[in-house]
PDB file of N, CA and C in Angstrom:
ATOM      1  N   MET A   1     -16.826  -1.635   1.625  1.00  0.00           N
ATOM      2  CA  MET A   1     -15.653  -1.172   1.064  1.00  0.00           C
ATOM      3  C   MET A   1     -14.549  -2.180   1.165  1.00  0.00           C
ATOM      4  N   THR A   2     -13.782  -2.442   0.245  1.00  0.00           N
ATOM      5  CA  THR A   2     -12.609  -3.141   0.529  1.00  0.00           C
ATOM      6  C   THR A   2     -11.358  -2.367   1.230  1.00  0.00           C
ATOM      7  N   HIS A   3     -10.637  -3.114   1.636  1.00  0.00           N
ATOM      8  CA  HIS A   3      -9.484  -2.553   2.455  1.00  0.00           C
ATOM      9  C   HIS A   3      -8.578  -1.706   1.290  1.00  0.00           C
ATOM     10  N   LEU A   4      -8.443  -2.192   0.046  1.00  0.00           N
ATOM     11  CA  LEU A   4      -7.637  -1.382  -1.029  1.00  0.00           C
ATOM     12  C   LEU A   4      -8.582  -0.187  -1.172  1.00  0.00           C
ATOM     13  N   SER A   5      -9.866  -0.208  -1.564  1.00  0.00           N
ATOM     14  CA  SER A   5     -10.676   0.750  -1.815  1.00  0.00           C
ATOM     15  C   SER A   5     -10.548   1.923  -0.649  1.00  0.00           C
ATOM     16  N   ILE A   6     -10.159   1.601   0.586  1.00  0.00           N
ATOM     17  CA  ILE A   6      -9.852   2.665   1.619  1.00  0.00           C
ATOM     18  C   ILE A   6      -8.668   3.319   1.306  1.00  0.00           C
ATOM     19  N   LEU A   7      -7.763   2.719   0.549  1.00  0.00           N
ATOM     20  CA  LEU A   7      -6.474   3.449   0.143  1.00  0.00           C
ATOM     21  C   LEU A   7      -6.915   4.379  -0.924  1.00  0.00           C
ATOM     22  N   PHE A   8      -7.491   3.681  -1.942  1.00  0.00           N
ATOM     23  CA  PHE A   8      -7.932   4.418  -3.142  1.00  0.00           C
ATOM     24  C   PHE A   8      -8.660   5.732  -2.865  1.00  0.00           C
ATOM     25  N   SER A   9      -9.391   5.812  -1.951  1.00  0.00           N
ATOM     26  CA  SER A   9     -10.220   6.736  -1.670  1.00  0.00           C
ATOM     27  C   SER A   9      -9.560   8.044  -1.052  1.00  0.00           C
ATOM     28  N   ILE A  10      -8.276   7.753  -0.555  1.00  0.00           N
ATOM     29  CA  ILE A  10      -7.597   8.872  -0.024  1.00  0.00           C
ATOM     30  C   ILE A  10      -6.786   9.560  -1.010  1.00  0.00           C
ATOM     31  N   ARG A  11      -6.741   9.224  -2.188  1.00  0.00           N
ATOM     32  CA  ARG A  11      -5.898   9.738  -3.485  1.00  0.00           C
ATOM     33  C   ARG A  11      -5.910  11.234  -3.449  1.00  0.00           C
ATOM     34  N   ASN A  12      -7.043  11.785  -3.399  1.00  0.00           N
ATOM     35  CA  ASN A  12      -7.168  13.370  -3.352  1.00  0.00           C
ATOM     36  C   ASN A  12      -7.262  13.986  -2.226  1.00  0.00           C
ATOM     37  N   GLY A  13      -6.622  13.406  -1.229  1.00  0.00           N
ATOM     38  CA  GLY A  13      -6.526  14.011   0.239  1.00  0.00           C
ATOM     39  C   GLY A  13      -7.205  13.089   1.271  1.00  0.00           C
ATOM     40  N   GLY A  14      -6.930  13.351   2.584  1.00  0.00           N
ATOM     41  CA  GLY A  14      -7.592  12.672   3.513  1.00  0.00           C
ATOM     42  C   GLY A  14      -6.578  11.803   4.190  1.00  0.00           C
ATOM     43  N   ASP A  15      -7.048  11.040   5.102  1.00  0.00           N
ATOM     44  CA  ASP A  15      -6.107  10.237   5.749  1.00  0.00           C
ATOM     45  C   ASP A  15      -6.615   8.842   6.292  1.00  0.00           C
ATOM     46  N   ILE A  16      -5.705   8.016   6.616  1.00  0.00           N
ATOM     47  CA  ILE A  16      -6.144   6.481   7.112  1.00  0.00           C
ATOM     48  C   ILE A  16      -5.896   6.403   8.598  1.00  0.00           C
ATOM     49  N   SER A  17      -6.900   6.085   9.084  1.00  0.00           N
ATOM     50  CA  SER A  17      -6.616   5.727  10.525  1.00  0.00           C
ATOM     51  C   SER A  17      -5.557   4.483  10.815  1.00  0.00           C
ATOM     52  N   ALA A  18      -5.007   4.513  12.024  1.00  0.00           N
ATOM     53  CA  ALA A  18      -4.127   3.487  12.415  1.00  0.00           C
ATOM     54  C   ALA A  18      -4.704   2.143  12.302  1.00  0.00           C
ATOM     55  N   ASP A  19      -5.920   1.818  12.590  1.00  0.00           N
ATOM     56  CA  ASP A  19      -6.738   0.604  12.539  1.00  0.00           C
ATOM     57  C   ASP A  19      -6.457   0.266  10.924  1.00  0.00           C
ATOM     58  N   HIS A  20      -7.065   1.180  10.169  1.00  0.00           N
ATOM     59  CA  HIS A  20      -7.134   0.897   8.829  1.00  0.00           C
ATOM     60  C   HIS A  20      -5.907   0.575   8.013  1.00  0.00           C
ATOM     61  N   THR A  21      -4.891   1.147   8.543  1.00  0.00           N
ATOM     62  CA  THR A  21      -3.372   1.059   7.961  1.00  0.00           C
ATOM     63  C   THR A  21      -2.924  -0.471   7.986  1.00  0.00           C
ATOM     64  N   VAL A  22      -3.421  -1.087   9.245  1.00  0.00           N
ATOM     65  CA  VAL A  22      -3.006  -2.545   9.417  1.00  0.00           C
ATOM     66  C   VAL A  22      -3.750  -3.450   8.288  1.00  0.00           C
ATOM     67  N   LEU A  23      -5.263  -2.924   8.230  1.00  0.00           N
ATOM     68  CA  LEU A  23      -5.931  -3.756   7.126  1.00  0.00           C
ATOM     69  C   LEU A  23      -5.500  -3.502   5.616  1.00  0.00           C
ATOM     70  N   VAL A  24      -5.168  -2.224   5.583  1.00  0.00           N
ATOM     71  CA  VAL A  24      -4.618  -1.795   4.139  1.00  0.00           C
ATOM     72  C   VAL A  24      -3.089  -2.682   3.819  1.00  0.00           C
ATOM     73  N   ASP A  25      -2.269  -2.532   4.675  1.00  0.00           N
ATOM     74  CA  ASP A  25      -1.224  -3.110   4.551  1.00  0.00           C
ATOM     75  C   ASP A  25      -1.097  -4.862   4.345  1.00  0.00           C
ATOM     76  N   ALA A  26      -2.289  -5.174   5.003  1.00  0.00           N
ATOM     77  CA  ALA A  26      -2.378  -6.945   4.771  1.00  0.00           C
ATOM     78  C   ALA A  26      -2.891  -7.231   3.563  1.00  0.00           C
ATOM     79  N   ALA A  27      -3.828  -6.213   3.034  1.00  0.00           N
ATOM     80  CA  ALA A  27      -4.619  -6.361   1.620  1.00  0.00           C
ATOM     81  C   ALA A  27      -3.525  -6.052   0.575  1.00  0.00           C
ATOM     82  N   LEU A  28      -2.464  -4.795   0.857  1.00  0.00           N
ATOM     83  CA  LEU A  28      -1.549  -4.706  -0.379  1.00  0.00           C
ATOM     84  C   LEU A  28      -0.380  -6.131  -0.150  1.00  0.00           C
ATOM     85  N   ALA A  29      -0.279  -6.505   0.937  1.00  0.00           N
ATOM     86  CA  ALA A  29       0.845  -7.885   0.988  1.00  0.00           C
ATOM     87  C   ALA A  29       0.223  -8.813   0.092  1.00  0.00           C
ATOM     88  N   LYS A  30      -1.037  -8.926  -0.170  1.00  0.00           N
ATOM     89  CA  LYS A  30      -1.773 -10.133  -0.940  1.00  0.00           C
ATOM     90  C   LYS A  30      -1.922  -9.547  -2.366  1.00  0.00           C
ATOM     91  N   ALA A  31      -1.841  -8.338  -2.469  1.00  0.00           N
ATOM     92  CA  ALA A  31      -2.198  -7.841  -3.695  1.00  0.00           C
ATOM     93  C   ALA A  31      -1.148  -8.126  -4.969  1.00  0.00           C
ATOM     94  N   LYS A  32      -1.578  -8.259  -6.205  1.00  0.00           N
ATOM     95  CA  LYS A  32      -0.583  -8.467  -7.293  1.00  0.00           C
ATOM     96  C   LYS A  32      -0.559  -6.934  -8.056  1.00  0.00           C
ATOM     97  N   PRO A  33       0.466  -6.595  -8.764  1.00  0.00           N
ATOM     98  CA  PRO A  33       0.559  -5.388  -9.382  1.00  0.00           C
ATOM     99  C   PRO A  33      -0.796  -4.921 -10.290  1.00  0.00           C
ATOM    100  N   VAL A  34      -1.333  -6.059 -10.855  1.00  0.00           N
ATOM    101  CA  VAL A  34      -2.539  -5.781 -11.751  1.00  0.00           C
ATOM    102  C   VAL A  34      -3.766  -5.502 -10.729  1.00  0.00           C
ATOM    103  N   ASP A  35      -3.789  -5.724  -9.550  1.00  0.00           N
ATOM    104  CA  ASP A  35      -4.841  -5.356  -8.799  1.00  0.00           C
ATOM    105  C   ASP A  35      -4.828  -3.896  -8.284  1.00  0.00           C
ATOM    106  N   ILE A  36      -3.867  -3.326  -8.831  1.00  0.00           N
ATOM    107  CA  ILE A  36      -3.559  -1.688  -8.763  1.00  0.00           C
ATOM    108  C   ILE A  36      -4.052  -1.005  -9.884  1.00  0.00           C
ATOM    109  N   PRO A  37      -5.199  -0.345  -9.965  1.00  0.00           N
ATOM    110  CA  PRO A  37      -5.406   0.501 -11.184  1.00  0.00           C
ATOM    111  C   PRO A  37      -4.454   1.359 -11.630  1.00  0.00           C
ATOM    112  N   LYS A  38      -4.259   1.682 -12.867  1.00  0.00           N
ATOM    113  CA  LYS A  38      -3.143   2.637 -13.119  1.00  0.00           C
ATOM    114  C   LYS A  38      -3.191   3.910 -12.612  1.00  0.00           C
ATOM    115  N   ASP A  39      -4.364   4.490 -12.279  1.00  0.00           N
ATOM    116  CA  ASP A  39      -4.496   5.715 -11.836  1.00  0.00           C
ATOM    117  C   ASP A  39      -4.293   5.857 -10.264  1.00  0.00           C
ATOM    118  N   GLN A  40      -3.957   4.570  -9.622  1.00  0.00           N
ATOM    119  CA  GLN A  40      -3.767   4.624  -8.254  1.00  0.00           C
ATOM    120  C   GLN A  40      -2.161   4.067  -8.107  1.00  0.00           C
ATOM    121  N   VAL A  41      -1.328   3.849  -9.267  1.00  0.00           N
ATOM    122  CA  VAL A  41       0.220   3.359  -8.846  1.00  0.00           C
ATOM    123  C   VAL A  41       0.620   4.382  -8.063  1.00  0.00           C
ATOM    124  N   GLN A  42       0.742   5.750  -8.345  1.00  0.00           N
ATOM    125  CA  GLN A  42       1.462   6.733  -7.528  1.00  0.00           C
ATOM    126  C   GLN A  42       0.933   6.805  -6.255  1.00  0.00           C
ATOM    127  N   ASN A  43      -0.366   6.703  -5.922  1.00  0.00           N
ATOM    128  CA  ASN A  43      -1.059   6.764  -4.564  1.00  0.00           C
ATOM    129  C   ASN A  43      -0.384   5.618  -3.794  1.00  0.00           C
ATOM    130  N   VAL A  44      -0.550   4.547  -4.204  1.00  0.00           N
ATOM    131  CA  VAL A  44      -0.210   3.169  -3.816  1.00  0.00           C
ATOM    132  C   VAL A  44       1.423   3.068  -3.343  1.00  0.00           C
ATOM    133  N   SER A  45       2.110   3.670  -4.315  1.00  0.00           N
ATOM    134  CA  SER A  45       3.548   3.733  -4.169  1.00  0.00           C
ATOM    135  C   SER A  45       4.093   4.606  -3.123  1.00  0.00           C
ATOM    136  N   ASP A  46       3.303   5.915  -3.119  1.00  0.00           N
ATOM    137  CA  ASP A  46       3.486   6.863  -1.892  1.00  0.00           C
ATOM    138  C   ASP A  46       3.027   6.204  -0.620  1.00  0.00           C
ATOM    139  N   TYR A  47       1.988   5.482  -0.281  1.00  0.00           N
ATOM    140  CA  TYR A  47       1.496   5.036   0.788  1.00  0.00           C
ATOM    141  C   TYR A  47       2.578   4.090   1.234  1.00  0.00           C
ATOM    142  N   ILE A  48       3.022   2.936   0.280  1.00  0.00           N
ATOM    143  CA  ILE A  48       3.951   1.915   0.717  1.00  0.00           C
ATOM    144  C   ILE A  48       5.331   2.641   1.323  1.00  0.00           C
ATOM    145  N   ASN A  49       5.782   3.678   0.527  1.00  0.00           N
ATOM    146  CA  ASN A  49       7.019   4.331   0.793  1.00  0.00           C
ATOM    147  C   ASN A  49       6.898   4.910   2.222  1.00  0.00           C
ATOM    148  N   ALA A  50       5.642   5.408   2.493  1.00  0.00           N
ATOM    149  CA  ALA A  50       5.544   6.112   3.865  1.00  0.00           C
ATOM    150  C   ALA A  50       5.264   5.184   4.872  1.00  0.00           C
ATOM    151  N   GLN A  51       4.618   4.160   4.588  1.00  0.00           N
ATOM    152  CA  GLN A  51       4.528   2.950   5.589  1.00  0.00           C
ATOM    153  C   GLN A  51       5.816   2.465   6.015  1.00  0.00           C
ATOM    154  N   LEU A  52       6.858   1.946   4.937  1.00  0.00           N
ATOM    155  CA  LEU A  52       7.941   1.547   5.324  1.00  0.00           C
ATOM    156  C   LEU A  52       8.791   2.467   5.830  1.00  0.00           C
ATOM    157  N   LEU A  53       8.938   3.862   5.765  1.00  0.00           N
ATOM    158  CA  LEU A  53       9.620   4.856   6.231  1.00  0.00           C
ATOM    159  C   LEU A  53       9.178   4.787   7.816  1.00  0.00           C
ATOM    160  N   ARG A  54       7.965   5.004   7.756  1.00  0.00           N
ATOM    161  CA  ARG A  54       7.545   5.339   9.469  1.00  0.00           C
ATOM    162  C   ARG A  54       7.099   4.293  10.180  1.00  0.00           C
ATOM    163  N   ASN A  55       6.712   2.998   9.596  1.00  0.00           N
ATOM    164  CA  ASN A  55       6.465   1.933  10.577  1.00  0.00           C
ATOM    165  C   ASN A  55       7.141   0.650  10.097  1.00  0.00           C
ATOM    166  N   GLY A  56       8.067   0.777   9.342  1.00  0.00           N
ATOM    167  CA  GLY A  56       8.839  -0.267   8.667  1.00  0.00           C
ATOM    168  C   GLY A  56       9.069  -1.438   9.963  1.00  0.00           C
ATOM    169  N   GLU A  57       9.564  -0.996  11.005  1.00  0.00           N
ATOM    170  CA  GLU A  57      10.204  -1.787  11.884  1.00  0.00           C
ATOM    171  C   GLU A  57       8.896  -2.535  12.685  1.00  0.00           C
ATOM    172  N   THR A  58       7.590  -2.100  12.562  1.00  0.00           N
ATOM    173  CA  THR A  58       6.318  -2.638  13.269  1.00  0.00           C
ATOM    174  C   THR A  58       5.719  -3.428  12.349  1.00  0.00           C
ATOM    175  N   ILE A  59       6.037  -3.537  11.070  1.00  0.00           N
ATOM    176  CA  ILE A  59       5.186  -4.341   9.990  1.00  0.00           C
ATOM    177  C   ILE A  59       5.980  -5.691  10.075  1.00  0.00           C
ATOM    178  N   PRO A  60       5.159  -6.953  10.046  1.00  0.00           N
ATOM    179  CA  PRO A  60       5.721  -8.125  10.184  1.00  0.00           C
ATOM    180  C   PRO A  60       6.736  -8.269   8.816  1.00  0.00           C
ATOM    181  N   LEU A  61       7.653  -9.055   9.318  1.00  0.00           N
ATOM    182  CA  LEU A  61       8.692  -9.246   8.226  1.00  0.00           C
ATOM    183  C   LEU A  61       8.163  -9.754   6.848  1.00  0.00           C
ATOM    184  N   GLU A  62       7.415 -10.749   6.910  1.00  0.00           N
ATOM    185  CA  GLU A  62       6.632 -11.291   5.510  1.00  0.00           C
ATOM    186  C   GLU A  62       5.968 -10.439   4.881  1.00  0.00           C
ATOM    187  N   GLN A  63       4.968  -9.569   5.702  1.00  0.00           N
ATOM    188  CA  GLN A  63       4.304  -8.480   4.909  1.00  0.00           C
ATOM    189  C   GLN A  63       5.196  -7.298   4.546  1.00  0.00           C
ATOM    190  N   LYS A  64       6.124  -6.974   5.153  1.00  0.00           N
ATOM    191  CA  LYS A  64       7.246  -6.067   4.788  1.00  0.00           C
ATOM    192  C   LYS A  64       7.703  -6.465   3.329  1.00  0.00           C
ATOM    193  N   ALA A  65       8.311  -7.619   3.362  1.00  0.00           N
ATOM    194  CA  ALA A  65       8.842  -8.039   1.913  1.00  0.00           C
ATOM    195  C   ALA A  65       7.971  -8.148   0.967  1.00  0.00           C
ATOM    196  N   ALA A  66       6.716  -8.572   1.245  1.00  0.00           N
ATOM    197  CA  ALA A  66       5.495  -8.452   0.323  1.00  0.00           C
ATOM    198  C   ALA A  66       5.367  -7.028  -0.334  1.00  0.00           C
ATOM    199  N   LEU A  67       5.342  -5.878   0.725  1.00  0.00           N
ATOM    200  CA  LEU A  67       5.096  -4.527   0.477  1.00  0.00           C
ATOM    201  C   LEU A  67       6.212  -4.200  -0.571  1.00  0.00           C
ATOM    202  N   GLU A  68       7.500  -4.475  -0.096  1.00  0.00           N
ATOM    203  CA  GLU A  68       8.590  -4.045  -0.905  1.00  0.00           C
ATOM    204  C   GLU A  68       8.507  -4.611  -2.419  1.00  0.00           C
ATOM    205  N   GLU A  69       8.107  -5.887  -2.605  1.00  0.00           N
ATOM    206  CA  GLU A  69       8.129  -6.500  -3.732  1.00  0.00           C
ATOM    207  C   GLU A  69       7.158  -5.799  -4.569  1.00  0.00           C
ATOM    208  N   LEU A  70       5.924  -5.517  -4.141  1.00  0.00           N
ATOM    209  CA  LEU A  70       4.806  -4.769  -4.747  1.00  0.00           C
ATOM    210  C   LEU A  70       5.135  -3.431  -5.291  1.00  0.00           C
ATOM    211  N   LEU A  71       5.835  -2.679  -4.133  1.00  0.00           N
ATOM    212  CA  LEU A  71       6.369  -1.283  -4.486  1.00  0.00           C
ATOM    213  C   LEU A  71       7.469  -1.275  -5.700  1.00  0.00           C
ATOM    214  N   GLN A  72       8.133  -2.327  -5.696  1.00  0.00           N
ATOM    215  CA  GLN A  72       9.414  -2.464  -6.783  1.00  0.00           C
ATOM    216  C   GLN A  72       8.605  -2.842  -8.234  1.00  0.00           C
ATOM    217  N   SER A  73       7.372  -3.551  -8.030  1.00  0.00           N
ATOM    218  CA  SER A  73       6.733  -3.907  -9.310  1.00  0.00           C
ATOM    219  C   SER A  73       5.850  -2.674  -9.820  1.00  0.00           C
ATOM    220  N   LEU A  74       5.493  -2.030  -9.093  1.00  0.00           N
ATOM    221  CA  LEU A  74       4.565  -0.625  -9.240  1.00  0.00           C
ATOM    222  C   LEU A  74       5.680   0.292  -9.969  1.00  0.00           C
ATOM    223  N   VAL A  75       6.858   0.498  -9.437  1.00  0.00           N
ATOM    224  CA  VAL A  75       7.825   1.412  -9.803  1.00  0.00           C
ATOM    225  C   VAL A  75       8.301   0.766 -11.170  1.00  0.00           C
ATOM    226  N   ASN A  76       8.555  -0.323 -11.499  1.00  0.00           N
ATOM    227  CA  ASN A  76       8.870  -0.778 -12.897  1.00  0.00           C
ATOM    228  C   ASN A  76       7.776  -0.596 -13.616  1.00  0.00           C
ATOM    229  N   ARG A  77       6.521  -0.642 -13.235  1.00  0.00           N
ATOM    230  CA  ARG A  77       5.151  -0.298 -14.247  1.00  0.00           C
ATOM    231  C   ARG A  77       5.119   1.097 -14.597  1.00  0.00           C
ATOM    232  N   ALA A  78       5.413   1.881 -13.575  1.00  0.00           N
ATOM    233  CA  ALA A  78       5.203   3.233 -13.920  1.00  0.00           C
ATOM    234  C   ALA A  78       6.011   3.738 -15.169  1.00  0.00           C
TER     235      ALA A  78
END
């Protein structure tokens, strides 16, 4: 299972462990908007918003900037 598929699998409920969030964040920081399936845009946007709100201060700055950029691209895409 790829790190993004971990996130995709919780779309209809469930949760991600703290260890997995580190992996998912790293994968999302490298992802391009086209890597996110249309049916996952809201799920990924919600996840990034939650991560930035709850853990924004602990996410490495470069990764945080990449997550913010991806989020903006997904919002524009929706």
